[in-house]
């Protein structure tokens, strides 16, 4: 795919329509920019000046009002100091400096919490994502989507140690979550602000934002975007993150299916365990009373008792989890549903 295919060209009209749509929404249009660009930063002091200028240039060309929010996640190379200097000299930049390194998910969450724009765009701070692609993602939102994810073309990190795990992870995540995307690992994404406000992030869940958005009922699409080789520094990604991703994938799977009804999973497992324990108990009773055989030395006796106790514990845990979830929703005042729009009776 050539670079010409990424030119904004024919999408200028769509972006303009999107701008008109934003202007027509209720709220303080003067206070809130159209777009907030959130960039988690960790030891990217060499990339920062080029990145900030590239983001500003891209959005100034689009005609959208914007703000850039750089979240320093405990950098040790002077990134925080550079951000402070840039924030004091620019009107379009805000720097959020975290006290220590919390991880990319926490940094992204901090950016979401400080963003004022009606649309929030995220990208990495290493210049591998191209800021010139931001208007393309924003224009795609105008087609009725809540989240548009980038799909990196002609990837420059083409080592087997990066591409093979990435392809396997994308396939596994798509199958498990039901959200079919080609590139979950691409940080360049555009969100409607109301969707971002509903996403509670922790762990390594920034990798699963499309899946979390799908749970919230979001409409999701993807767009091809450019990808560049890292110009400065070293990659922060390692093989160890693969294991953390797998653990968070299990979390996402549980959240998708049983978050508001934990009794369905723990209660079912408890009933199965108790049923198996009961069957074993009946079998051992027949051996003892019917056939006169000794059962005290049989491992099945221990297994039957363990299965019965485990079943009772799982069932009880399901009840407690159900009570906790109900208490959580009532105390937080968060509804268990999301409304897209309300029509009529204006």
C-alpha atoms as a PDB file:
ATOM      1  CA  UNK A   1       0.000   0.000   0.000  1.00  0.00           C
ATOM      2  CA  UNK A   2       1.502   3.308  -1.073  1.00  0.00           C
ATOM      3  CA  UNK A   3       1.655   6.475   0.977  1.00  0.00           C
ATOM      4  CA  UNK A   4      -0.748   8.135  -1.476  1.00  0.00           C
ATOM      5  CA  UNK A   5      -3.495   5.872  -0.225  1.00  0.00           C
ATOM      6  CA  UNK A   6      -3.205   7.509   3.172  1.00  0.00           C
ATOM      7  CA  UNK A   7      -3.484  11.054   1.888  1.00  0.00           C
ATOM      8  CA  UNK A   8      -6.437  12.848   3.445  1.00  0.00           C
ATOM      9  CA  UNK A   9      -7.581  14.130   0.052  1.00  0.00           C
ATOM     10  CA  UNK A  10     -11.161  12.972  -0.385  1.00  0.00           C
ATOM     11  CA  UNK A  11     -11.741  12.882   3.363  1.00  0.00           C
ATOM     12  CA  UNK A  12     -11.637  16.643   3.767  1.00  0.00           C
ATOM     13  CA  UNK A  13     -15.394  16.836   3.208  1.00  0.00           C
ATOM     14  CA  UNK A  14     -16.066  14.149   5.797  1.00  0.00           C
ATOM     15  CA  UNK A  15     -13.884  15.923   8.341  1.00  0.00           C
ATOM     16  CA  UNK A  16     -15.711  19.170   7.665  1.00  0.00           C
ATOM     17  CA  UNK A  17     -19.047  17.452   8.186  1.00  0.00           C
ATOM     18  CA  UNK A  18     -17.724  16.033  11.419  1.00  0.00           C
ATOM     19  CA  UNK A  19     -16.702  19.513  12.541  1.00  0.00           C
ATOM     20  CA  UNK A  20     -20.185  20.817  11.772  1.00  0.00           C
ATOM     21  CA  UNK A  21     -21.699  17.960  13.722  1.00  0.00           C
ATOM     22  CA  UNK A  22     -19.537  18.758  16.744  1.00  0.00           C
ATOM     23  CA  UNK A  23     -20.504  22.407  16.556  1.00  0.00           C
ATOM     24  CA  UNK A  24     -24.160  21.451  16.664  1.00  0.00           C
ATOM     25  CA  UNK A  25     -23.906  19.426  19.857  1.00  0.00           C
ATOM     26  CA  UNK A  26     -24.967  20.943  23.183  1.00  0.00           C
ATOM     27  CA  UNK A  27     -22.329  22.210  25.589  1.00  0.00           C
ATOM     28  CA  UNK A  28     -19.794  24.971  25.851  1.00  0.00           C
ATOM     29  CA  UNK A  29     -18.236  24.877  22.406  1.00  0.00           C
ATOM     30  CA  UNK A  30     -15.742  27.616  23.260  1.00  0.00           C
ATOM     31  CA  UNK A  31     -14.366  25.842  26.328  1.00  0.00           C
ATOM     32  CA  UNK A  32     -14.099  22.350  24.861  1.00  0.00           C
ATOM     33  CA  UNK A  33     -11.765  21.675  21.920  1.00  0.00           C
ATOM     34  CA  UNK A  34     -12.897  19.377  19.159  1.00  0.00           C
ATOM     35  CA  UNK A  35     -10.029  16.948  19.697  1.00  0.00           C
ATOM     36  CA  UNK A  36      -7.807  15.932  22.616  1.00  0.00           C
ATOM     37  CA  UNK A  37      -4.673  14.007  21.660  1.00  0.00           C
ATOM     38  CA  UNK A  38      -3.422  11.855  24.554  1.00  0.00           C
ATOM     39  CA  UNK A  39       0.184  10.647  24.435  1.00  0.00           C
ATOM     40  CA  UNK A  40       1.663   8.451  27.222  1.00  0.00           C
ATOM     41  CA  UNK A  41       5.372   9.264  27.547  1.00  0.00           C
ATOM     42  CA  UNK A  42       8.128   7.161  29.063  1.00  0.00           C
ATOM     43  CA  UNK A  43      11.747   8.098  28.292  1.00  0.00           C
ATOM     44  CA  UNK A  44      11.071   9.744  24.921  1.00  0.00           C
ATOM     45  CA  UNK A  45      12.980  13.008  25.369  1.00  0.00           C
ATOM     46  CA  UNK A  46      14.469  12.885  21.852  1.00  0.00           C
ATOM     47  CA  UNK A  47      11.149  12.174  20.147  1.00  0.00           C
ATOM     48  CA  UNK A  48       9.020  14.703  22.027  1.00  0.00           C
ATOM     49  CA  UNK A  49       9.754  17.949  20.122  1.00  0.00           C
ATOM     50  CA  UNK A  50       9.199  16.285  16.743  1.00  0.00           C
ATOM     51  CA  UNK A  51       6.079  14.494  17.971  1.00  0.00           C
ATOM     52  CA  UNK A  52       4.382  17.583  19.399  1.00  0.00           C
ATOM     53  CA  UNK A  53       5.102  19.620  16.265  1.00  0.00           C
ATOM     54  CA  UNK A  54       3.807  16.830  14.017  1.00  0.00           C
ATOM     55  CA  UNK A  55       0.548  16.509  15.983  1.00  0.00           C
ATOM     56  CA  UNK A  56      -0.009  20.260  15.918  1.00  0.00           C
ATOM     57  CA  UNK A  57       0.706  20.467  12.188  1.00  0.00           C
ATOM     58  CA  UNK A  58      -1.707  17.632  11.402  1.00  0.00           C
ATOM     59  CA  UNK A  59      -4.616  19.111  13.365  1.00  0.00           C
ATOM     60  CA  UNK A  60      -4.033  22.687  12.242  1.00  0.00           C
ATOM     61  CA  UNK A  61      -4.360  21.464   8.665  1.00  0.00           C
ATOM     62  CA  UNK A  62      -7.647  19.714   9.475  1.00  0.00           C
ATOM     63  CA  UNK A  63      -9.249  22.894  10.838  1.00  0.00           C
ATOM     64  CA  UNK A  64     -10.250  21.246  14.123  1.00  0.00           C
ATOM     65  CA  UNK A  65      -9.578  22.920  17.463  1.00  0.00           C
ATOM     66  CA  UNK A  66      -7.376  20.704  19.591  1.00  0.00           C
ATOM     67  CA  UNK A  67      -5.286  20.162  22.686  1.00  0.00           C
ATOM     68  CA  UNK A  68      -2.299  17.881  23.196  1.00  0.00           C
ATOM     69  CA  UNK A  69      -2.035  16.067  26.526  1.00  0.00           C
ATOM     70  CA  UNK A  70       1.311  14.392  27.193  1.00  0.00           C
ATOM     71  CA  UNK A  71       1.360  12.171  30.275  1.00  0.00           C
ATOM     72  CA  UNK A  72       4.849  11.533  31.612  1.00  0.00           C
ATOM     73  CA  UNK A  73       4.874   8.116  33.253  1.00  0.00           C
ATOM     74  CA  UNK A  74       7.883   8.499  35.541  1.00  0.00           C
ATOM     75  CA  UNK A  75      10.510   9.110  32.837  1.00  0.00           C
ATOM     76  CA  UNK A  76      14.163   9.222  33.895  1.00  0.00           C
ATOM     77  CA  UNK A  77      15.687  10.806  30.792  1.00  0.00           C
ATOM     78  CA  UNK A  78      14.494  14.385  31.149  1.00  0.00           C
ATOM     79  CA  UNK A  79      11.179  13.939  29.336  1.00  0.00           C
ATOM     80  CA  UNK A  80       9.247  15.472  32.237  1.00  0.00           C
ATOM     81  CA  UNK A  81      11.406  18.600  32.306  1.00  0.00           C
ATOM     82  CA  UNK A  82      11.111  19.030  28.551  1.00  0.00           C
ATOM     83  CA  UNK A  83       7.330  18.674  28.788  1.00  0.00           C
ATOM     84  CA  UNK A  84       7.199  21.352  31.479  1.00  0.00           C
ATOM     85  CA  UNK A  85       9.169  23.728  29.265  1.00  0.00           C
ATOM     86  CA  UNK A  86       7.014  22.969  26.237  1.00  0.00           C
ATOM     87  CA  UNK A  87       3.788  23.377  28.217  1.00  0.00           C
ATOM     88  CA  UNK A  88       4.911  26.800  29.452  1.00  0.00           C
ATOM     89  CA  UNK A  89       5.721  27.983  25.938  1.00  0.00           C
ATOM     90  CA  UNK A  90       2.776  26.523  23.989  1.00  0.00           C
ATOM     91  CA  UNK A  91      -0.953  27.166  24.217  1.00  0.00           C
ATOM     92  CA  UNK A  92      -1.939  23.808  22.732  1.00  0.00           C
ATOM     93  CA  UNK A  93      -0.048  21.534  25.138  1.00  0.00           C
ATOM     94  CA  UNK A  94      -0.796  20.305  28.643  1.00  0.00           C
ATOM     95  CA  UNK A  95       1.684  18.167  30.550  1.00  0.00           C
ATOM     96  CA  UNK A  96       0.521  15.681  33.175  1.00  0.00           C
ATOM     97  CA  UNK A  97       3.481  14.471  35.245  1.00  0.00           C
ATOM     98  CA  UNK A  98       2.878  11.283  37.226  1.00  0.00           C
ATOM     99  CA  UNK A  99       4.762  10.720  40.494  1.00  0.00           C
ATOM    100  CA  UNK A 100       6.329   7.460  39.328  1.00  0.00           C
ATOM    101  CA  UNK A 101       6.101   4.852  36.599  1.00  0.00           C
ATOM    102  CA  UNK A 102       2.614   3.334  36.778  1.00  0.00           C
ATOM    103  CA  UNK A 103       2.490   1.744  33.326  1.00  0.00           C
ATOM    104  CA  UNK A 104       0.939   2.676  30.003  1.00  0.00           C
ATOM    105  CA  UNK A 105      -2.607   1.841  31.058  1.00  0.00           C
ATOM    106  CA  UNK A 106      -2.469   4.221  34.028  1.00  0.00           C
ATOM    107  CA  UNK A 107      -0.886   6.951  31.903  1.00  0.00           C
ATOM    108  CA  UNK A 108      -3.602   6.594  29.287  1.00  0.00           C
ATOM    109  CA  UNK A 109      -6.291   6.698  31.976  1.00  0.00           C
ATOM    110  CA  UNK A 110      -4.778   9.919  33.342  1.00  0.00           C
ATOM    111  CA  UNK A 111      -4.910  11.393  29.857  1.00  0.00           C
ATOM    112  CA  UNK A 112      -8.561  10.424  29.444  1.00  0.00           C
ATOM    113  CA  UNK A 113      -9.414  12.007  32.793  1.00  0.00           C
ATOM    114  CA  UNK A 114      -7.770  15.315  31.857  1.00  0.00           C
ATOM    115  CA  UNK A 115      -9.026  15.482  28.262  1.00  0.00           C
ATOM    116  CA  UNK A 116     -11.617  18.140  27.422  1.00  0.00           C
ATOM    117  CA  UNK A 117     -12.200  17.347  23.755  1.00  0.00           C
ATOM    118  CA  UNK A 118     -15.317  15.796  22.274  1.00  0.00           C
ATOM    119  CA  UNK A 119     -13.058  13.314  20.512  1.00  0.00           C
ATOM    120  CA  UNK A 120      -9.995  11.724  22.123  1.00  0.00           C
ATOM    121  CA  UNK A 121      -7.129  10.375  20.024  1.00  0.00           C
ATOM    122  CA  UNK A 122      -4.338   8.249  21.489  1.00  0.00           C
ATOM    123  CA  UNK A 123      -0.951   7.400  20.014  1.00  0.00           C
ATOM    124  CA  UNK A 124       2.499   6.323  21.160  1.00  0.00           C
ATOM    125  CA  UNK A 125       5.259   8.803  21.888  1.00  0.00           C
ATOM    126  CA  UNK A 126       7.982   7.076  19.849  1.00  0.00           C
ATOM    127  CA  UNK A 127       7.031   8.536  16.415  1.00  0.00           C
ATOM    128  CA  UNK A 128       6.119   5.102  15.049  1.00  0.00           C
ATOM    129  CA  UNK A 129       2.488   6.223  14.735  1.00  0.00           C
ATOM    130  CA  UNK A 130       2.058   8.989  12.160  1.00  0.00           C
ATOM    131  CA  UNK A 131       0.161  12.050  13.482  1.00  0.00           C
ATOM    132  CA  UNK A 132      -0.818  12.844   9.885  1.00  0.00           C
ATOM    133  CA  UNK A 133      -3.268   9.920  10.099  1.00  0.00           C
ATOM    134  CA  UNK A 134      -5.234  11.488  12.966  1.00  0.00           C
ATOM    135  CA  UNK A 135      -7.746  13.358  10.722  1.00  0.00           C
ATOM    136  CA  UNK A 136      -8.461  10.115   8.856  1.00  0.00           C
ATOM    137  CA  UNK A 137      -9.545   8.375  12.061  1.00  0.00           C
ATOM    138  CA  UNK A 138     -11.608  11.386  13.135  1.00  0.00           C
ATOM    139  CA  UNK A 139     -13.347  11.465   9.759  1.00  0.00           C
ATOM    140  CA  UNK A 140     -14.200   7.769  10.122  1.00  0.00           C
ATOM    141  CA  UNK A 141     -15.994   8.525  13.395  1.00  0.00           C
ATOM    142  CA  UNK A 142     -18.407  10.662  11.381  1.00  0.00           C
ATOM    143  CA  UNK A 143     -19.723   7.495   9.751  1.00  0.00           C
ATOM    144  CA  UNK A 144     -21.412   6.567  13.027  1.00  0.00           C
ATOM    145  CA  UNK A 145     -18.636   4.832  14.932  1.00  0.00           C
ATOM    146  CA  UNK A 146     -17.664   5.337  18.570  1.00  0.00           C
ATOM    147  CA  UNK A 147     -14.126   3.994  18.266  1.00  0.00           C
ATOM    148  CA  UNK A 148     -11.829   3.791  15.252  1.00  0.00           C
ATOM    149  CA  UNK A 149      -8.645   1.764  15.632  1.00  0.00           C
ATOM    150  CA  UNK A 150      -5.552   2.048  13.468  1.00  0.00           C
ATOM    151  CA  UNK A 151      -4.335  -0.905  11.424  1.00  0.00           C
ATOM    152  CA  UNK A 152      -0.593  -0.567  10.816  1.00  0.00           C
ATOM    153  CA  UNK A 153       0.487  -1.164   7.220  1.00  0.00           C
ATOM    154  CA  UNK A 154       4.013  -2.194   6.193  1.00  0.00           C
ATOM    155  CA  UNK A 155       5.138  -2.535   9.780  1.00  0.00           C
ATOM    156  CA  UNK A 156       8.725  -1.515  10.386  1.00  0.00           C
ATOM    157  CA  UNK A 157       9.238  -3.670  13.487  1.00  0.00           C
ATOM    158  CA  UNK A 158       9.243  -6.692  11.230  1.00  0.00           C
ATOM    159  CA  UNK A 159      11.318  -9.019  13.384  1.00  0.00           C
ATOM    160  CA  UNK A 160       9.875 -12.467  13.954  1.00  0.00           C
ATOM    161  CA  UNK A 161       9.985 -11.897  17.715  1.00  0.00           C
ATOM    162  CA  UNK A 162       7.527  -9.004  17.309  1.00  0.00           C
ATOM    163  CA  UNK A 163       5.334  -9.913  14.339  1.00  0.00           C
ATOM    164  CA  UNK A 164       4.603 -13.562  15.149  1.00  0.00           C
ATOM    165  CA  UNK A 165       3.460 -12.947  18.755  1.00  0.00           C
ATOM    166  CA  UNK A 166       1.478  -9.936  17.508  1.00  0.00           C
ATOM    167  CA  UNK A 167      -0.379 -11.951  14.873  1.00  0.00           C
ATOM    168  CA  UNK A 168      -1.124 -14.764  17.314  1.00  0.00           C
ATOM    169  CA  UNK A 169      -2.287 -12.291  19.960  1.00  0.00           C
ATOM    170  CA  UNK A 170      -4.574 -10.479  17.507  1.00  0.00           C
ATOM    171  CA  UNK A 171      -6.111 -13.777  16.407  1.00  0.00           C
ATOM    172  CA  UNK A 172      -6.598 -15.001  19.977  1.00  0.00           C
ATOM    173  CA  UNK A 173      -8.035 -11.718  21.256  1.00  0.00           C
ATOM    174  CA  UNK A 174     -10.408 -11.450  18.294  1.00  0.00           C
ATOM    175  CA  UNK A 175     -11.674 -14.994  18.819  1.00  0.00           C
ATOM    176  CA  UNK A 176     -12.100 -14.668  22.577  1.00  0.00           C
ATOM    177  CA  UNK A 177     -13.622 -11.177  22.686  1.00  0.00           C
ATOM    178  CA  UNK A 178     -15.675 -11.354  19.498  1.00  0.00           C
ATOM    179  CA  UNK A 179     -14.226  -8.022  18.292  1.00  0.00           C
ATOM    180  CA  UNK A 180     -12.455  -8.783  15.023  1.00  0.00           C
ATOM    181  CA  UNK A 181      -9.597  -6.339  14.476  1.00  0.00           C
ATOM    182  CA  UNK A 182      -6.354  -6.863  12.591  1.00  0.00           C
ATOM    183  CA  UNK A 183      -4.160  -4.859  14.952  1.00  0.00           C
ATOM    184  CA  UNK A 184      -5.016  -4.659  18.652  1.00  0.00           C
ATOM    185  CA  UNK A 185      -1.496  -3.452  19.384  1.00  0.00           C
ATOM    186  CA  UNK A 186      -1.809  -0.201  17.436  1.00  0.00           C
ATOM    187  CA  UNK A 187      -2.015   2.683  19.907  1.00  0.00           C
ATOM    188  CA  UNK A 188      -3.368   5.123  17.305  1.00  0.00           C
ATOM    189  CA  UNK A 189      -7.097   5.174  18.046  1.00  0.00           C
ATOM    190  CA  UNK A 190      -9.918   7.730  18.047  1.00  0.00           C
ATOM    191  CA  UNK A 191     -12.715   7.656  20.643  1.00  0.00           C
ATOM    192  CA  UNK A 192     -15.817   9.656  21.280  1.00  0.00           C
ATOM    193  CA  UNK A 193     -15.350  11.329  24.653  1.00  0.00           C
ATOM    194  CA  UNK A 194     -18.506   9.839  26.167  1.00  0.00           C
ATOM    195  CA  UNK A 195     -17.181   6.355  25.393  1.00  0.00           C
ATOM    196  CA  UNK A 196     -13.764   7.079  26.904  1.00  0.00           C
ATOM    197  CA  UNK A 197     -15.491   8.278  30.082  1.00  0.00           C
ATOM    198  CA  UNK A 198     -17.125   4.857  30.478  1.00  0.00           C
ATOM    199  CA  UNK A 199     -13.876   2.882  30.193  1.00  0.00           C
ATOM    200  CA  UNK A 200     -12.331   1.932  33.546  1.00  0.00           C
ATOM    201  CA  UNK A 201      -8.695   0.997  32.947  1.00  0.00           C
ATOM    202  CA  UNK A 202      -6.245  -0.958  35.109  1.00  0.00           C
ATOM    203  CA  UNK A 203      -3.575  -3.625  34.687  1.00  0.00           C
ATOM    204  CA  UNK A 204      -2.617  -3.889  31.001  1.00  0.00           C
ATOM    205  CA  UNK A 205      -6.155  -3.303  29.771  1.00  0.00           C
ATOM    206  CA  UNK A 206      -5.160  -0.524  27.356  1.00  0.00           C
ATOM    207  CA  UNK A 207      -4.451  -3.342  24.892  1.00  0.00           C
ATOM    208  CA  UNK A 208      -8.078  -4.425  25.085  1.00  0.00           C
ATOM    209  CA  UNK A 209      -9.765  -1.042  24.730  1.00  0.00           C
ATOM    210  CA  UNK A 210     -11.802  -2.148  21.677  1.00  0.00           C
ATOM    211  CA  UNK A 211     -13.059  -5.162  23.650  1.00  0.00           C
ATOM    212  CA  UNK A 212     -13.907  -2.972  26.656  1.00  0.00           C
ATOM    213  CA  UNK A 213     -15.663  -0.545  24.331  1.00  0.00           C
ATOM    214  CA  UNK A 214     -17.607  -3.421  22.789  1.00  0.00           C
ATOM    215  CA  UNK A 215     -18.817  -4.414  26.264  1.00  0.00           C
ATOM    216  CA  UNK A 216     -20.092  -0.834  26.608  1.00  0.00           C
ATOM    217  CA  UNK A 217     -22.036  -1.218  23.353  1.00  0.00           C
ATOM    218  CA  UNK A 218     -19.690   0.832  21.154  1.00  0.00           C
ATOM    219  CA  UNK A 219     -19.628   0.731  17.364  1.00  0.00           C
ATOM    220  CA  UNK A 220     -16.077  -0.106  16.311  1.00  0.00           C
ATOM    221  CA  UNK A 221     -14.171   0.148  13.042  1.00  0.00           C
ATOM    222  CA  UNK A 222     -10.554   0.239  11.898  1.00  0.00           C
ATOM    223  CA  UNK A 223      -8.582   2.213   9.334  1.00  0.00           C
ATOM    224  CA  UNK A 224      -5.222   1.504   7.663  1.00  0.00           C
ATOM    225  CA  UNK A 225      -2.511   3.800   9.011  1.00  0.00           C
ATOM    226  CA  UNK A 226       1.168   4.273   8.358  1.00  0.00           C
ATOM    227  CA  UNK A 227       3.901   2.854  10.550  1.00  0.00           C
ATOM    228  CA  UNK A 228       7.465   4.130  10.923  1.00  0.00           C
ATOM    229  CA  UNK A 229      10.622   2.648  12.351  1.00  0.00           C
ATOM    230  CA  UNK A 230      11.646   3.874  15.790  1.00  0.00           C
ATOM    231  CA  UNK A 231      14.029   6.809  15.361  1.00  0.00           C
ATOM    232  CA  UNK A 232      15.213   7.264  18.940  1.00  0.00           C
ATOM    233  CA  UNK A 233      15.688   5.085  21.994  1.00  0.00           C
ATOM    234  CA  UNK A 234      14.735   1.467  22.498  1.00  0.00           C
ATOM    235  CA  UNK A 235      11.428  -0.352  22.470  1.00  0.00           C
ATOM    236  CA  UNK A 236       9.679  -0.668  25.847  1.00  0.00           C
ATOM    237  CA  UNK A 237       7.959  -3.901  24.824  1.00  0.00           C
ATOM    238  CA  UNK A 238       9.301  -7.285  25.862  1.00  0.00           C
ATOM    239  CA  UNK A 239       8.263 -10.932  25.781  1.00  0.00           C
ATOM    240  CA  UNK A 240       7.230 -10.723  29.469  1.00  0.00           C
ATOM    241  CA  UNK A 241       4.273  -8.547  28.500  1.00  0.00           C
ATOM    242  CA  UNK A 242       2.802 -11.490  26.596  1.00  0.00           C
ATOM    243  CA  UNK A 243       2.053 -13.305  29.855  1.00  0.00           C
ATOM    244  CA  UNK A 244       0.411 -10.229  31.371  1.00  0.00           C
ATOM    245  CA  UNK A 245      -1.674  -9.852  28.231  1.00  0.00           C
ATOM    246  CA  UNK A 246      -2.923 -13.435  28.599  1.00  0.00           C
ATOM    247  CA  UNK A 247      -3.936 -12.801  32.210  1.00  0.00           C
ATOM    248  CA  UNK A 248      -5.809  -9.648  31.254  1.00  0.00           C
ATOM    249  CA  UNK A 249      -7.466 -11.517  28.388  1.00  0.00           C
ATOM    250  CA  UNK A 250      -8.988 -13.878  30.954  1.00  0.00           C
ATOM    251  CA  UNK A 251     -10.193 -10.822  32.882  1.00  0.00           C
ATOM    252  CA  UNK A 252     -11.807  -9.368  29.755  1.00  0.00           C
ATOM    253  CA  UNK A 253     -13.498 -12.682  28.987  1.00  0.00           C
ATOM    254  CA  UNK A 254     -14.998 -12.823  32.475  1.00  0.00           C
ATOM    255  CA  UNK A 255     -16.063  -9.163  32.323  1.00  0.00           C
ATOM    256  CA  UNK A 256     -17.769  -9.662  28.984  1.00  0.00           C
ATOM    257  CA  UNK A 257     -19.798 -12.684  30.031  1.00  0.00           C
ATOM    258  CA  UNK A 258     -20.273 -12.558  33.792  1.00  0.00           C
ATOM    259  CA  UNK A 259     -19.480  -9.078  35.143  1.00  0.00           C
ATOM    260  CA  UNK A 260     -23.059  -8.327  36.193  1.00  0.00           C
ATOM    261  CA  UNK A 261     -23.994 -11.948  36.912  1.00  0.00           C
ATOM    262  CA  UNK A 262     -21.062 -13.726  38.646  1.00  0.00           C
ATOM    263  CA  UNK A 263     -23.469 -16.270  40.142  1.00  0.00           C
ATOM    264  CA  UNK A 264     -23.936 -17.697  36.660  1.00  0.00           C
ATOM    265  CA  UNK A 265     -20.342 -18.906  36.509  1.00  0.00           C
ATOM    266  CA  UNK A 266     -19.517 -19.652  40.157  1.00  0.00           C
ATOM    267  CA  UNK A 267     -22.950 -21.079  40.876  1.00  0.00           C
ATOM    268  CA  UNK A 268     -22.727 -23.344  37.830  1.00  0.00           C
ATOM    269  CA  UNK A 269     -19.251 -24.568  38.778  1.00  0.00           C
ATOM    270  CA  UNK A 270     -20.416 -25.121  42.346  1.00  0.00           C
ATOM    271  CA  UNK A 271     -23.435 -27.145  41.252  1.00  0.00           C
ATOM    272  CA  UNK A 272     -21.292 -29.284  38.933  1.00  0.00           C
ATOM    273  CA  UNK A 273     -18.791 -29.927  41.720  1.00  0.00           C
ATOM    274  CA  UNK A 274     -21.530 -30.813  44.215  1.00  0.00           C
ATOM    275  CA  UNK A 275     -23.218 -33.077  41.665  1.00  0.00           C
ATOM    276  CA  UNK A 276     -19.992 -34.983  41.019  1.00  0.00           C
ATOM    277  CA  UNK A 277     -19.343 -35.260  44.755  1.00  0.00           C
ATOM    278  CA  UNK A 278     -22.880 -36.546  45.304  1.00  0.00           C
ATOM    279  CA  UNK A 279     -22.528 -39.170  42.554  1.00  0.00           C
ATOM    280  CA  UNK A 280     -19.266 -40.369  44.065  1.00  0.00           C
ATOM    281  CA  UNK A 281     -20.880 -40.436  47.502  1.00  0.00           C
ATOM    282  CA  UNK A 282     -23.788 -42.562  46.240  1.00  0.00           C
ATOM    283  CA  UNK A 283     -21.364 -44.937  44.528  1.00  0.00           C
ATOM    284  CA  UNK A 284     -19.304 -45.337  47.704  1.00  0.00           C
ATOM    285  CA  UNK A 285     -22.458 -45.825  49.788  1.00  0.00           C
ATOM    286  CA  UNK A 286     -23.538 -48.673  47.501  1.00  0.00           C
ATOM    287  CA  UNK A 287     -20.108 -50.261  47.851  1.00  0.00           C
ATOM    288  CA  UNK A 288     -20.242 -49.973  51.642  1.00  0.00           C
ATOM    289  CA  UNK A 289     -23.845 -50.869  52.401  1.00  0.00           C
ATOM    290  CA  UNK A 290     -24.766 -52.959  49.395  1.00  0.00           C
ATOM    291  CA  UNK A 291     -21.613 -54.929  48.775  1.00  0.00           C
ATOM    292  CA  UNK A 292     -20.003 -54.715  52.204  1.00  0.00           C
ATOM    293  CA  UNK A 293     -16.713 -53.399  50.871  1.00  0.00           C
ATOM    294  CA  UNK A 294     -14.416 -51.177  52.886  1.00  0.00           C
ATOM    295  CA  UNK A 295     -14.194 -47.626  51.543  1.00  0.00           C
ATOM    296  CA  UNK A 296     -12.051 -45.963  54.209  1.00  0.00           C
ATOM    297  CA  UNK A 297      -8.845 -46.481  52.232  1.00  0.00           C
ATOM    298  CA  UNK A 298     -10.262 -45.450  48.844  1.00  0.00           C
ATOM    299  CA  UNK A 299      -9.060 -42.164  47.276  1.00  0.00           C
ATOM    300  CA  UNK A 300     -12.581 -41.723  45.898  1.00  0.00           C
ATOM    301  CA  UNK A 301     -13.837 -41.026  49.414  1.00  0.00           C
ATOM    302  CA  UNK A 302     -11.459 -38.094  49.796  1.00  0.00           C
ATOM    303  CA  UNK A 303     -12.303 -36.890  46.287  1.00  0.00           C
ATOM    304  CA  UNK A 304     -16.036 -37.024  47.007  1.00  0.00           C
ATOM    305  CA  UNK A 305     -15.638 -34.961  50.173  1.00  0.00           C
ATOM    306  CA  UNK A 306     -13.397 -32.436  48.393  1.00  0.00           C
ATOM    307  CA  UNK A 307     -15.858 -32.098  45.508  1.00  0.00           C
ATOM    308  CA  UNK A 308     -18.771 -31.494  47.874  1.00  0.00           C
ATOM    309  CA  UNK A 309     -16.870 -28.917  49.921  1.00  0.00           C
ATOM    310  CA  UNK A 310     -15.556 -27.181  46.793  1.00  0.00           C
ATOM    311  CA  UNK A 311     -19.072 -27.044  45.386  1.00  0.00           C
ATOM    312  CA  UNK A 312     -20.434 -25.418  48.529  1.00  0.00           C
ATOM    313  CA  UNK A 313     -17.571 -22.913  48.548  1.00  0.00           C
ATOM    314  CA  UNK A 314     -17.985 -21.997  44.879  1.00  0.00           C
ATOM    315  CA  UNK A 315     -21.724 -21.572  45.286  1.00  0.00           C
ATOM    316  CA  UNK A 316     -21.204 -19.401  48.371  1.00  0.00           C
ATOM    317  CA  UNK A 317     -18.555 -17.360  46.559  1.00  0.00           C
ATOM    318  CA  UNK A 318     -20.998 -16.784  43.714  1.00  0.00           C
ATOM    319  CA  UNK A 319     -23.599 -15.462  46.146  1.00  0.00           C
ATOM    320  CA  UNK A 320     -21.064 -13.130  47.761  1.00  0.00           C
ATOM    321  CA  UNK A 321     -19.861 -11.899  44.357  1.00  0.00           C
ATOM    322  CA  UNK A 322     -23.459 -11.250  43.319  1.00  0.00           C
ATOM    323  CA  UNK A 323     -24.064  -9.208  46.480  1.00  0.00           C
ATOM    324  CA  UNK A 324     -20.811  -7.277  45.949  1.00  0.00           C
ATOM    325  CA  UNK A 325     -21.699  -6.439  42.352  1.00  0.00           C
ATOM    326  CA  UNK A 326     -25.149  -5.203  43.341  1.00  0.00           C
ATOM    327  CA  UNK A 327     -23.635  -3.126  46.151  1.00  0.00           C
ATOM    328  CA  UNK A 328     -21.036  -1.696  43.756  1.00  0.00           C
ATOM    329  CA  UNK A 329     -23.575  -0.596  41.154  1.00  0.00           C
ATOM    330  CA  UNK A 330     -25.867   0.916  43.789  1.00  0.00           C
ATOM    331  CA  UNK A 331     -23.064   2.766  45.606  1.00  0.00           C
ATOM    332  CA  UNK A 332     -21.466   4.112  42.428  1.00  0.00           C
ATOM    333  CA  UNK A 333     -24.742   5.177  40.917  1.00  0.00           C
ATOM    334  CA  UNK A 334     -23.565   3.631  37.630  1.00  0.00           C
ATOM    335  CA  UNK A 335     -26.324   2.115  35.511  1.00  0.00           C
ATOM    336  CA  UNK A 336     -25.854  -1.378  34.135  1.00  0.00           C
ATOM    337  CA  UNK A 337     -26.751  -0.086  30.660  1.00  0.00           C
ATOM    338  CA  UNK A 338     -25.570   2.617  28.249  1.00  0.00           C
ATOM    339  CA  UNK A 339     -27.966   4.844  26.262  1.00  0.00           C
ATOM    340  CA  UNK A 340     -26.891   5.767  22.726  1.00  0.00           C
ATOM    341  CA  UNK A 341     -29.620   8.363  22.083  1.00  0.00           C
ATOM    342  CA  UNK A 342     -33.148   9.341  23.087  1.00  0.00           C
ATOM    343  CA  UNK A 343     -35.645  10.413  20.445  1.00  0.00           C
ATOM    344  CA  UNK A 344     -39.062  12.070  20.536  1.00  0.00           C
ATOM    345  CA  UNK A 345     -41.017  14.349  22.920  1.00  0.00           C
ATOM    346  CA  UNK A 346     -38.667  17.296  22.460  1.00  0.00           C
END
